[in-house]
């Protein structure tokens, strides 16, 4: 058996052995309250069975072991060979990538005798800082381990993170009935993985509206209330209600309400809003959620839709001013419509002056990524970008003082998609059909009877923690926090992909806080 140790900040592959961070020793580090993580690739394996043990770990630490599972990146969708640039893509498809991580059961997933492990050491907030030496033993081979626990303590969460979780898709891919006991057990496991990466906001399911007379409706919020209570029990704090409306078409200036049945600007639409919104507000007040609840209006409004969208936002504010409005959006003529603006990171980069004027007027700015941006330089969480591209997402939140981050999918596998074998599926959105870049649909895999996380989920966890550490340092030394951030993150389209430089910046941040 041969082995190599690789940083958790770079992707590994079942057909590649040499990596910039490769070493024969595991040299890892963490703040207190965080994780010290690394990967071990194993080669020339005659059997998939493997034993793993740790020696010399200090009190207040707890090791975790996962088996790396190869998944297919079948193509670099959206990138033409003539447009190739450094890290765009990181690797030309097709190829297999170690993105999925299943809980270790004593076996590897071997490809031509090569497999991999992801190891993570959880460090308690009260662990004693210091430099510790120990080892990891794999199939009798002793791998030296150095663990540095910094005095810095991971701060409490302040960044709002929402990544879409889809209950019906979860139930379908695990072969259980939605809202059954089996489903609710799975839901707890999915939510636990989302909480691991510090997600603290959830989309909520819609209300059941029943028409009982001419322009008269009754509303049943019981499913939404039960769902939010389950999310609260799982540790979620904030909630994003279902969008009031939805576009009729990307090419038409019409928004439809009530499951796309009522034109928003009609008299019927107005009467619907006058009954629905006060009823929703009362339910939120009754349960103490009003201050932690935001609401979408019509996702990703474009220029064609902008006038009707702004009018609908005005109606909602007239009827129910207590609920703040939020939407993912591309920059266009929407000024004054929202309380929380969530532009694509590339849109923020291009229209920073205009968007910052909205913040100056009292609004909040977040950012999001989805199937775009797909342009050279811009960071995203795609599988064919460097893993550091995902890792830097929340460094952007720090640099530009953005209070939140949004992505549409943690487990939104498309119809017929096997995410272990296909990661550029066809996607339908109203009257638009496209193919998605690899990894856009998910950061959680439907494992055997349980969810399996991705290394991208772990990268986003570390990114969220680094955001909080940068903010903590900025409280006492903002110039230094800014300097550390700027040393590797220059803008959403200009980041440092050298693993050694990134690791040095992270260590400098932890040392400054220690």
Protein backbone atom coordinates (compact mmCIF):
# COMPACT_ATOMS: atom_id res chain seq x y z
CA UNK A 1 0.00 0.00 0.00
CA UNK A 2 1.18 3.52 -0.75
CA UNK A 3 -0.36 6.74 0.56
CA UNK A 4 -0.27 10.51 0.26
CA UNK A 5 -1.85 13.18 2.48
CA UNK A 6 -3.68 16.02 0.73
CA UNK A 7 -5.18 19.26 2.06
CA UNK A 8 -8.94 19.45 2.53
CA UNK A 9 -8.82 22.65 0.46
CA UNK A 10 -8.24 20.91 -2.88
CA UNK A 11 -10.09 18.29 -4.87
CA UNK A 12 -8.72 14.78 -5.21
CA UNK A 13 -9.37 12.28 -8.01
CA UNK A 14 -9.26 8.48 -8.32
CA UNK A 15 -6.81 8.69 -11.24
CA UNK A 16 -4.39 11.36 -9.98
CA UNK A 17 -1.69 10.89 -7.36
CA UNK A 18 0.33 14.12 -7.38
CA UNK A 19 -1.13 17.28 -5.74
CA UNK A 20 0.31 20.68 -4.77
CA UNK A 21 -0.38 20.05 -1.07
CA UNK A 22 0.68 16.37 -1.05
CA UNK A 23 2.81 15.25 1.91
CA UNK A 24 3.77 12.12 3.82
CA UNK A 25 2.70 13.63 7.14
CA UNK A 26 -0.70 14.93 8.22
CA UNK A 27 -0.10 18.51 9.39
CA UNK A 28 -3.44 20.05 10.34
CA UNK A 29 -4.85 22.84 12.50
CA UNK A 30 -8.08 24.38 13.77
CA UNK A 31 -9.65 27.05 15.92
CA UNK A 32 -11.40 25.78 19.01
CA UNK A 33 -14.97 24.91 18.08
CA UNK A 34 -13.96 24.00 14.52
CA UNK A 35 -12.57 21.02 12.63
CA UNK A 36 -9.06 20.07 11.52
CA UNK A 37 -9.48 18.15 8.26
CA UNK A 38 -7.33 16.42 5.64
CA UNK A 39 -7.51 13.67 3.03
CA UNK A 40 -5.48 10.48 2.64
CA UNK A 41 -5.26 8.81 -0.75
CA UNK A 42 -4.36 5.11 -0.74
CA UNK A 43 -2.88 3.27 -3.71
CA UNK A 44 -1.86 -0.24 -4.74
CA UNK A 45 -4.71 -1.64 -2.64
CA UNK A 46 -5.46 -5.35 -3.06
CA UNK A 47 -8.64 -5.15 -0.97
CA UNK A 48 -11.28 -2.53 -0.29
CA UNK A 49 -11.18 -3.38 3.42
CA UNK A 50 -9.18 -0.97 5.54
CA UNK A 51 -8.63 -0.17 9.21
CA UNK A 52 -8.13 3.33 10.58
CA UNK A 53 -7.09 4.38 14.09
CA UNK A 54 -5.82 7.55 15.76
CA UNK A 55 -3.17 7.85 18.48
CA UNK A 56 -2.07 10.84 20.53
CA UNK A 57 -5.11 13.07 20.09
CA UNK A 58 -5.57 15.44 23.04
CA UNK A 59 -8.62 15.74 25.26
CA UNK A 60 -11.44 17.73 23.73
CA UNK A 61 -11.01 16.29 20.24
CA UNK A 62 -13.08 13.71 18.39
CA UNK A 63 -12.03 12.15 15.07
CA UNK A 64 -14.38 11.41 12.17
CA UNK A 65 -13.63 9.24 9.15
CA UNK A 66 -15.38 9.24 5.78
CA UNK A 67 -14.79 7.21 2.62
CA UNK A 68 -14.34 9.30 -0.52
CA UNK A 69 -16.80 8.23 -3.23
CA UNK A 70 -16.01 9.03 -6.88
CA UNK A 71 -18.73 10.77 -8.89
CA UNK A 72 -18.83 11.59 -12.60
CA UNK A 73 -18.27 14.97 -14.17
CA UNK A 74 -19.42 14.10 -17.67
CA UNK A 75 -18.72 17.44 -19.34
CA UNK A 76 -17.72 21.05 -18.71
CA UNK A 77 -21.14 22.37 -19.62
CA UNK A 78 -21.13 26.04 -20.58
CA UNK A 79 -17.40 26.24 -21.33
CA UNK A 80 -16.17 25.97 -24.91
CA UNK A 81 -12.59 24.79 -25.54
CA UNK A 82 -11.81 28.14 -27.20
CA UNK A 83 -12.66 29.84 -23.90
CA UNK A 84 -10.49 27.69 -21.63
CA UNK A 85 -8.54 29.74 -19.07
CA UNK A 86 -6.59 28.88 -15.91
CA UNK A 87 -8.95 27.00 -13.56
CA UNK A 88 -11.74 27.43 -16.11
CA UNK A 89 -12.23 24.54 -16.06
CA UNK A 90 -9.91 23.03 -13.46
CA UNK A 91 -9.95 19.79 -15.44
CA UNK A 92 -11.33 18.85 -18.85
CA UNK A 93 -14.22 16.37 -18.61
CA UNK A 94 -15.10 13.56 -18.60
CA UNK A 95 -13.49 12.41 -15.36
CA UNK A 96 -14.34 11.12 -11.90
CA UNK A 97 -13.97 13.33 -8.84
CA UNK A 98 -13.94 12.60 -5.11
CA UNK A 99 -16.81 14.91 -4.14
CA UNK A 100 -19.07 12.55 -2.19
CA UNK A 101 -18.19 11.38 1.32
CA UNK A 102 -19.92 8.44 2.98
CA UNK A 103 -19.51 7.56 6.67
CA UNK A 104 -16.63 5.11 7.00
CA UNK A 105 -17.69 1.47 7.34
CA UNK A 106 -14.29 -0.19 7.04
CA UNK A 107 -14.22 -0.16 3.25
CA UNK A 108 -12.96 2.03 0.43
CA UNK A 109 -14.44 2.72 -2.98
CA UNK A 110 -11.54 1.54 -5.16
CA UNK A 111 -10.69 2.56 -8.73
CA UNK A 112 -7.78 0.56 -10.14
CA UNK A 113 -6.52 -0.06 -6.62
CA UNK A 114 -6.79 3.57 -5.50
CA UNK A 115 -9.20 4.96 -2.92
CA UNK A 116 -9.43 7.76 -0.42
CA UNK A 117 -10.39 8.88 3.07
CA UNK A 118 -11.52 12.23 4.44
CA UNK A 119 -10.54 12.64 8.09
CA UNK A 120 -11.80 15.37 10.35
CA UNK A 121 -10.93 16.10 13.96
CA UNK A 122 -13.62 18.01 15.82
CA UNK A 123 -12.10 20.38 18.38
CA UNK A 124 -14.16 21.39 21.42
CA UNK A 125 -14.42 25.06 22.35
CA UNK A 126 -12.78 24.31 25.69
CA UNK A 127 -9.90 22.26 24.26
CA UNK A 128 -6.46 23.33 25.48
CA UNK A 129 -4.53 25.22 22.80
CA UNK A 130 -1.19 23.78 21.80
CA UNK A 131 0.86 21.75 19.35
CA UNK A 132 0.19 18.03 19.57
CA UNK A 133 1.86 15.09 17.86
CA UNK A 134 0.23 11.76 17.22
CA UNK A 135 -0.48 9.45 14.33
CA UNK A 136 -3.09 7.93 12.07
CA UNK A 137 -2.62 4.24 11.39
CA UNK A 138 -4.10 2.88 8.16
CA UNK A 139 -3.81 -0.86 7.56
CA UNK A 140 -0.78 -0.97 9.84
CA UNK A 141 0.98 1.96 8.18
CA UNK A 142 1.68 4.71 10.70
CA UNK A 143 1.21 8.23 9.30
CA UNK A 144 2.66 10.99 11.54
CA UNK A 145 0.06 13.56 12.61
CA UNK A 146 0.64 17.09 13.86
CA UNK A 147 -2.37 18.95 15.22
CA UNK A 148 -2.19 22.61 16.16
CA UNK A 149 -5.10 23.90 18.23
CA UNK A 150 -5.15 27.68 18.16
CA UNK A 151 -6.39 29.71 21.08
CA UNK A 152 -8.97 31.35 18.82
CA UNK A 153 -12.54 30.23 19.49
CA UNK A 154 -15.03 29.98 16.65
CA UNK A 155 -17.59 32.78 17.17
CA UNK A 156 -21.34 32.27 17.16
CA UNK A 157 -23.05 32.41 13.78
CA UNK A 158 -23.99 35.77 12.37
CA UNK A 159 -24.06 35.08 8.63
CA UNK A 160 -27.44 34.05 7.23
CA UNK A 161 -27.18 31.07 4.86
CA UNK A 162 -30.05 29.51 2.92
CA UNK A 163 -29.60 26.62 0.47
CA UNK A 164 -32.75 25.02 -0.91
CA UNK A 165 -33.84 21.67 0.56
CA UNK A 166 -36.52 19.71 -1.32
CA UNK A 167 -38.64 17.34 0.74
CA UNK A 168 -40.36 15.56 -2.15
CA UNK A 169 -37.05 14.90 -3.90
CA UNK A 170 -35.58 13.56 -0.66
CA UNK A 171 -38.54 11.20 -0.28
CA UNK A 172 -38.39 10.08 -3.92
CA UNK A 173 -34.68 9.28 -3.98
CA UNK A 174 -34.86 7.35 -0.71
CA UNK A 175 -38.05 5.52 -1.63
CA UNK A 176 -40.15 6.74 1.29
CA UNK A 177 -43.53 8.46 1.54
CA UNK A 178 -43.41 12.24 2.15
CA UNK A 179 -44.36 13.16 5.72
CA UNK A 180 -44.07 9.56 6.91
CA UNK A 181 -42.06 8.57 9.97
CA UNK A 182 -39.34 7.27 7.63
CA UNK A 183 -39.26 10.60 5.82
CA UNK A 184 -39.06 12.66 9.02
CA UNK A 185 -36.07 10.60 10.19
CA UNK A 186 -34.32 11.30 6.89
CA UNK A 187 -35.22 14.98 7.11
CA UNK A 188 -33.46 15.21 10.48
CA UNK A 189 -30.30 13.79 8.91
CA UNK A 190 -30.41 16.20 5.96
CA UNK A 191 -30.98 19.15 8.27
CA UNK A 192 -28.08 18.04 10.46
CA UNK A 193 -25.76 18.20 7.45
CA UNK A 194 -27.05 21.66 6.54
CA UNK A 195 -26.52 22.82 10.10
CA UNK A 196 -22.99 21.39 9.97
CA UNK A 197 -22.17 23.95 7.25
CA UNK A 198 -23.87 26.64 9.39
CA UNK A 199 -27.06 26.98 7.36
CA UNK A 200 -29.54 28.73 9.63
CA UNK A 201 -32.37 29.71 7.28
CA UNK A 202 -34.88 27.46 5.49
CA UNK A 203 -37.43 27.87 2.75
CA UNK A 204 -40.89 26.95 4.01
CA UNK A 205 -43.64 25.15 2.18
CA UNK A 206 -46.64 26.98 0.84
CA UNK A 207 -50.09 27.55 2.26
CA UNK A 208 -53.17 25.62 1.16
CA UNK A 209 -55.64 28.18 -0.25
CA UNK A 210 -59.26 27.16 -0.80
CA UNK A 211 -61.67 29.35 -2.74
CA UNK A 212 -64.95 29.50 -0.80
CA UNK A 213 -66.83 32.18 -2.73
CA UNK A 214 -66.47 34.96 -5.25
CA UNK A 215 -63.03 36.47 -4.45
CA UNK A 216 -63.11 34.75 -1.05
CA UNK A 217 -60.46 32.32 0.21
CA UNK A 218 -59.66 30.35 3.32
CA UNK A 219 -56.08 29.45 4.20
CA UNK A 220 -54.60 26.42 5.94
CA UNK A 221 -51.15 27.11 7.40
CA UNK A 222 -50.91 23.90 9.43
CA UNK A 223 -48.31 22.19 7.20
CA UNK A 224 -46.13 25.29 7.14
CA UNK A 225 -46.36 25.70 10.93
CA UNK A 226 -45.46 22.06 11.57
CA UNK A 227 -42.54 22.28 9.16
CA UNK A 228 -41.09 25.44 10.71
CA UNK A 229 -41.33 23.86 14.15
CA UNK A 230 -39.32 20.85 12.90
CA UNK A 231 -36.75 23.20 11.40
CA UNK A 232 -36.49 25.10 14.69
CA UNK A 233 -35.96 21.82 16.54
CA UNK A 234 -33.11 21.06 14.12
CA UNK A 235 -31.43 24.38 14.99
CA UNK A 236 -32.67 26.64 12.20
CA UNK A 237 -33.36 30.23 13.21
CA UNK A 238 -34.66 32.09 10.15
CA UNK A 239 -37.30 31.30 7.55
CA UNK A 240 -37.99 32.33 3.98
CA UNK A 241 -41.67 32.01 3.11
CA UNK A 242 -42.83 30.78 -0.28
CA UNK A 243 -42.86 33.37 -3.04
CA UNK A 244 -46.13 35.26 -3.28
CA UNK A 245 -46.08 34.84 -7.06
CA UNK A 246 -44.27 33.33 -10.01
CA UNK A 247 -43.54 34.52 -13.53
CA UNK A 248 -45.88 33.39 -16.30
CA UNK A 249 -42.95 33.38 -18.72
CA UNK A 250 -39.45 34.78 -18.98
CA UNK A 251 -40.72 36.80 -21.96
CA UNK A 252 -44.03 38.12 -20.52
CA UNK A 253 -44.58 40.92 -17.96
CA UNK A 254 -47.07 38.89 -15.91
CA UNK A 255 -46.84 37.48 -12.39
CA UNK A 256 -49.32 34.84 -11.25
CA UNK A 257 -50.50 34.21 -7.68
CA UNK A 258 -51.95 31.17 -5.88
CA UNK A 259 -50.11 28.36 -7.67
CA UNK A 260 -50.00 30.39 -10.89
CA UNK A 261 -53.77 30.74 -11.24
CA UNK A 262 -54.47 34.45 -10.58
CA UNK A 263 -52.89 37.42 -12.39
CA UNK A 264 -51.23 39.58 -9.73
CA UNK A 265 -52.47 42.89 -11.16
CA UNK A 266 -56.11 41.78 -11.47
CA UNK A 267 -58.88 42.71 -9.04
CA UNK A 268 -59.04 39.03 -8.07
CA UNK A 269 -55.33 39.15 -7.35
CA UNK A 270 -55.74 42.17 -5.12
CA UNK A 271 -58.57 40.54 -3.19
CA UNK A 272 -56.46 37.39 -2.78
CA UNK A 273 -53.54 39.38 -1.37
CA UNK A 274 -55.83 41.31 1.00
CA UNK A 275 -56.88 38.02 2.60
CA UNK A 276 -53.70 35.93 2.34
CA UNK A 277 -51.14 38.39 3.67
CA UNK A 278 -52.96 39.40 6.89
CA UNK A 279 -53.67 35.73 7.61
CA UNK A 280 -49.98 34.90 7.14
CA UNK A 281 -48.93 37.81 9.35
CA UNK A 282 -51.23 36.63 12.14
CA UNK A 283 -49.80 33.10 12.03
CA UNK A 284 -46.26 34.46 12.18
CA UNK A 285 -47.09 36.73 15.12
CA UNK A 286 -48.86 33.93 16.98
CA UNK A 287 -45.77 31.71 16.74
CA UNK A 288 -43.16 34.40 17.39
CA UNK A 289 -41.66 34.17 13.89
CA UNK A 290 -42.48 37.58 12.44
CA UNK A 291 -39.04 39.07 13.10
CA UNK A 292 -37.26 36.00 11.73
CA UNK A 293 -39.35 35.57 8.58
CA UNK A 294 -38.74 37.02 5.12
CA UNK A 295 -40.75 36.45 1.97
CA UNK A 296 -40.00 36.11 -1.72
CA UNK A 297 -42.12 37.94 -4.28
CA UNK A 298 -41.33 36.35 -7.67
CA UNK A 299 -37.93 34.70 -7.96
CA UNK A 300 -35.27 36.22 -10.25
CA UNK A 301 -37.28 39.07 -11.79
CA UNK A 302 -35.90 40.35 -15.08
CA UNK A 303 -36.31 43.62 -17.01
CA UNK A 304 -39.42 42.33 -18.79
CA UNK A 305 -41.10 41.72 -15.44
CA UNK A 306 -39.72 44.70 -13.55
CA UNK A 307 -42.68 47.11 -13.70
CA UNK A 308 -45.27 44.57 -12.56
CA UNK A 309 -42.82 43.23 -9.99
CA UNK A 310 -42.35 46.66 -8.42
CA UNK A 311 -46.10 47.21 -8.39
CA UNK A 312 -46.67 43.87 -6.66
CA UNK A 313 -44.03 44.70 -4.03
CA UNK A 314 -45.90 47.96 -3.41
CA UNK A 315 -49.19 46.11 -2.90
CA UNK A 316 -47.58 43.66 -0.48
CA UNK A 317 -46.04 46.49 1.53
CA UNK A 318 -49.37 48.33 1.67
CA UNK A 319 -51.20 45.26 2.97
CA UNK A 320 -48.49 43.68 5.12
CA UNK A 321 -45.59 46.07 5.82
CA UNK A 322 -44.32 43.94 8.71
CA UNK A 323 -42.81 41.21 6.48
CA UNK A 324 -39.51 42.01 4.76
CA UNK A 325 -39.18 41.14 1.07
CA UNK A 326 -36.26 39.26 -0.46
CA UNK A 327 -35.45 37.78 -3.87
CA UNK A 328 -32.52 36.52 -5.87
CA UNK A 329 -32.22 38.91 -8.77
CA UNK A 330 -30.16 40.15 -11.67
CA UNK A 331 -29.60 43.89 -11.71
CA UNK A 332 -32.38 45.71 -13.58
CA UNK A 333 -35.04 48.39 -12.95
CA UNK A 334 -36.24 47.08 -9.57
CA UNK A 335 -35.13 49.98 -7.37
CA UNK A 336 -37.23 50.39 -4.23
CA UNK A 337 -38.89 46.99 -4.54
CA UNK A 338 -37.07 44.91 -1.92
CA UNK A 339 -35.71 45.05 1.60
CA UNK A 340 -33.04 42.38 0.99
CA UNK A 341 -31.28 42.33 -2.36
CA UNK A 342 -29.62 39.09 -3.43
CA UNK A 343 -27.68 39.66 -6.67
CA UNK A 344 -25.47 37.11 -8.35
CA UNK A 345 -21.93 37.74 -7.18
CA UNK A 346 -21.05 38.73 -10.76
CA UNK A 347 -23.97 41.17 -10.86
CA UNK A 348 -22.80 42.77 -7.62
CA UNK A 349 -19.31 43.03 -9.08
CA UNK A 350 -20.61 44.77 -12.22
CA UNK A 351 -23.21 47.02 -10.55
CA UNK A 352 -21.58 47.66 -7.19
CA UNK A 353 -22.19 51.42 -7.21
CA UNK A 354 -25.92 51.08 -7.88
CA UNK A 355 -26.44 48.24 -5.40
CA UNK A 356 -24.47 49.99 -2.68
CA UNK A 357 -26.76 53.01 -3.11
CA UNK A 358 -29.64 50.72 -2.11
CA UNK A 359 -27.76 49.70 1.02
CA UNK A 360 -27.13 53.37 1.80
CA UNK A 361 -30.89 53.87 1.69
CA UNK A 362 -31.36 51.23 4.40
CA UNK A 363 -31.64 47.98 2.46
CA UNK A 364 -29.64 44.77 3.05
CA UNK A 365 -27.27 43.16 0.50
CA UNK A 366 -26.57 39.41 0.17
CA UNK A 367 -25.18 37.45 -2.77
CA UNK A 368 -25.94 34.19 -4.52
CA UNK A 369 -24.68 31.79 -7.13
CA UNK A 370 -26.56 29.24 -9.22
CA UNK A 371 -25.94 27.98 -12.76
CA UNK A 372 -24.19 31.33 -13.13
CA UNK A 373 -21.91 33.09 -13.14
CA UNK A 374 -20.14 30.81 -15.60
CA UNK A 375 -17.46 33.25 -16.68
CA UNK A 376 -13.66 33.06 -16.30
CA UNK A 377 -12.58 34.11 -12.83
CA UNK A 378 -15.92 34.30 -11.03
CA UNK A 379 -16.18 31.89 -8.12
CA UNK A 380 -18.96 29.31 -7.88
CA UNK A 381 -19.39 25.89 -6.29
CA UNK A 382 -19.09 23.86 -9.51
CA UNK A 383 -17.27 20.54 -9.55
CA UNK A 384 -15.04 21.56 -12.46
CA UNK A 385 -13.73 24.65 -10.66
CA UNK A 386 -11.06 24.42 -7.93
CA UNK A 387 -12.45 23.50 -4.53
CA UNK A 388 -11.15 26.84 -3.26
CA UNK A 389 -13.76 28.46 -5.51
CA UNK A 390 -16.42 27.14 -3.11
CA UNK A 391 -14.23 27.93 -0.12
CA UNK A 392 -14.05 31.62 -1.00
CA UNK A 393 -17.81 32.21 -1.23
CA UNK A 394 -18.10 33.62 2.29
CA UNK A 395 -14.81 35.48 2.11
CA UNK A 396 -16.83 37.55 -0.35
CA UNK A 397 -19.46 38.08 2.34
CA UNK A 398 -16.74 39.49 4.60
CA UNK A 399 -15.03 41.68 2.00
CA UNK A 400 -18.26 43.33 0.85
CA UNK A 401 -20.07 43.25 4.23
CA UNK A 402 -22.90 41.08 2.91
CA UNK A 403 -25.22 39.70 5.57
CA UNK A 404 -26.32 36.54 3.78
CA UNK A 405 -25.82 33.95 1.05
CA UNK A 406 -28.32 32.00 -1.04
CA UNK A 407 -28.21 29.00 -3.35
CA UNK A 408 -31.23 27.24 -4.77
CA UNK A 409 -30.22 23.60 -4.28
CA UNK A 410 -28.79 21.30 -1.65
CA UNK A 411 -30.54 18.21 -3.06
CA UNK A 412 -32.48 19.24 -6.18
CA UNK A 413 -31.54 16.33 -8.43
CA UNK A 414 -33.40 16.73 -11.71
CA UNK A 415 -35.86 14.12 -13.08
CA UNK A 416 -33.98 10.96 -13.98
CA UNK A 417 -30.65 12.24 -12.65
CA UNK A 418 -28.32 9.87 -10.80
CA UNK A 419 -25.98 12.34 -9.06
CA UNK A 420 -23.30 9.67 -8.72
CA UNK A 421 -23.17 9.27 -12.51
CA UNK A 422 -24.65 12.45 -14.01
CA UNK A 423 -24.04 16.01 -12.86
CA UNK A 424 -24.95 18.19 -15.87
CA UNK A 425 -28.68 17.39 -16.10
CA UNK A 426 -31.41 19.07 -18.12
CA UNK A 427 -33.30 21.70 -16.13
CA UNK A 428 -36.74 23.24 -16.76
CA UNK A 429 -37.72 26.63 -15.31
CA UNK A 430 -41.09 27.96 -16.52
CA UNK A 431 -40.60 28.12 -20.32
CA UNK A 432 -36.81 27.92 -20.17
CA UNK A 433 -34.83 24.71 -20.72
CA UNK A 434 -31.11 24.45 -20.11
CA UNK A 435 -28.37 22.14 -18.89
CA UNK A 436 -26.71 22.83 -15.56
CA UNK A 437 -22.97 22.91 -14.80
CA UNK A 438 -21.66 20.04 -12.71
CA UNK A 439 -22.65 20.26 -9.05
CA UNK A 440 -25.25 23.00 -9.33
CA UNK A 441 -28.09 20.68 -8.31
CA UNK A 442 -26.72 19.49 -4.98
CA UNK A 443 -24.13 19.46 -2.21
CA UNK A 444 -25.73 16.44 -0.52
CA UNK A 445 -25.97 12.97 -2.09
CA UNK A 446 -28.81 10.45 -1.60
CA UNK A 447 -26.78 7.73 0.08
CA UNK A 448 -27.92 4.26 1.10
CA UNK A 449 -30.63 4.94 3.67
CA UNK A 450 -29.07 8.27 4.65
CA UNK A 451 -27.70 11.49 3.15
CA UNK A 452 -24.00 11.66 2.32
CA UNK A 453 -22.30 15.03 2.33
CA UNK A 454 -19.95 16.42 -0.27
CA UNK A 455 -16.49 17.87 0.12
CA UNK A 456 -18.06 21.07 -1.24
CA UNK A 457 -20.40 21.13 1.77
CA UNK A 458 -17.32 20.88 3.99
CA UNK A 459 -15.65 23.67 2.02
CA UNK A 460 -18.68 25.90 2.54
CA UNK A 461 -18.67 25.03 6.26
CA UNK A 462 -15.07 26.16 6.54
CA UNK A 463 -15.85 29.25 4.49
CA UNK A 464 -18.68 30.21 6.86
CA UNK A 465 -16.35 29.72 9.84
CA UNK A 466 -13.64 31.82 8.22
CA UNK A 467 -16.20 34.60 7.65
CA UNK A 468 -16.98 34.64 11.37
CA UNK A 469 -13.27 34.61 12.28
CA UNK A 470 -12.56 37.54 9.95
CA UNK A 471 -15.46 39.50 11.46
CA UNK A 472 -14.22 38.71 14.96
CA UNK A 473 -10.73 39.97 14.16
CA UNK A 474 -12.20 43.08 12.52
CA UNK A 475 -13.77 44.06 15.85
CA UNK A 476 -10.30 44.76 17.26
CA UNK A 477 -8.06 45.10 14.19
CA UNK A 478 -10.01 45.70 11.00
CA UNK A 479 -6.95 46.71 8.95
CA UNK A 480 -5.35 43.33 9.71
CA UNK A 481 -8.57 41.40 8.95
CA UNK A 482 -8.88 43.28 5.67
CA UNK A 483 -5.24 42.64 4.85
CA UNK A 484 -5.61 38.89 5.43
CA UNK A 485 -8.74 38.76 3.30
CA UNK A 486 -7.18 40.84 0.52
CA UNK A 487 -4.09 38.61 0.45
CA UNK A 488 -6.13 35.80 -1.14
CA UNK A 489 -9.54 37.25 -2.03
CA UNK A 490 -9.33 40.32 -4.25
CA UNK A 491 -12.82 40.23 -5.74
CA UNK A 492 -15.49 37.74 -6.78
CA UNK A 493 -13.57 37.27 -10.04
CA UNK A 494 -10.01 37.38 -8.68
CA UNK A 495 -8.95 34.93 -5.96
CA UNK A 496 -5.73 33.14 -5.09
CA UNK A 497 -5.76 29.45 -5.98
CA UNK A 498 -2.32 28.61 -4.59
CA UNK A 499 -2.99 26.17 -1.73
CA UNK A 500 0.09 27.23 0.23
CA UNK A 501 -0.88 30.92 0.05
CA UNK A 502 -4.43 30.18 1.18
CA UNK A 503 -3.22 28.00 4.06
CA UNK A 504 -0.80 30.73 5.17
CA UNK A 505 -3.65 33.28 5.19
CA UNK A 506 -5.83 30.99 7.29
CA UNK A 507 -3.01 30.39 9.78
CA UNK A 508 -2.31 34.13 10.00
CA UNK A 509 -5.99 34.73 10.76
CA UNK A 510 -6.04 32.14 13.53
CA UNK A 511 -2.77 33.36 15.00
CA UNK A 512 -4.04 36.93 15.11
CA UNK A 513 -7.11 35.79 17.04
CA UNK A 514 -5.04 33.68 19.43
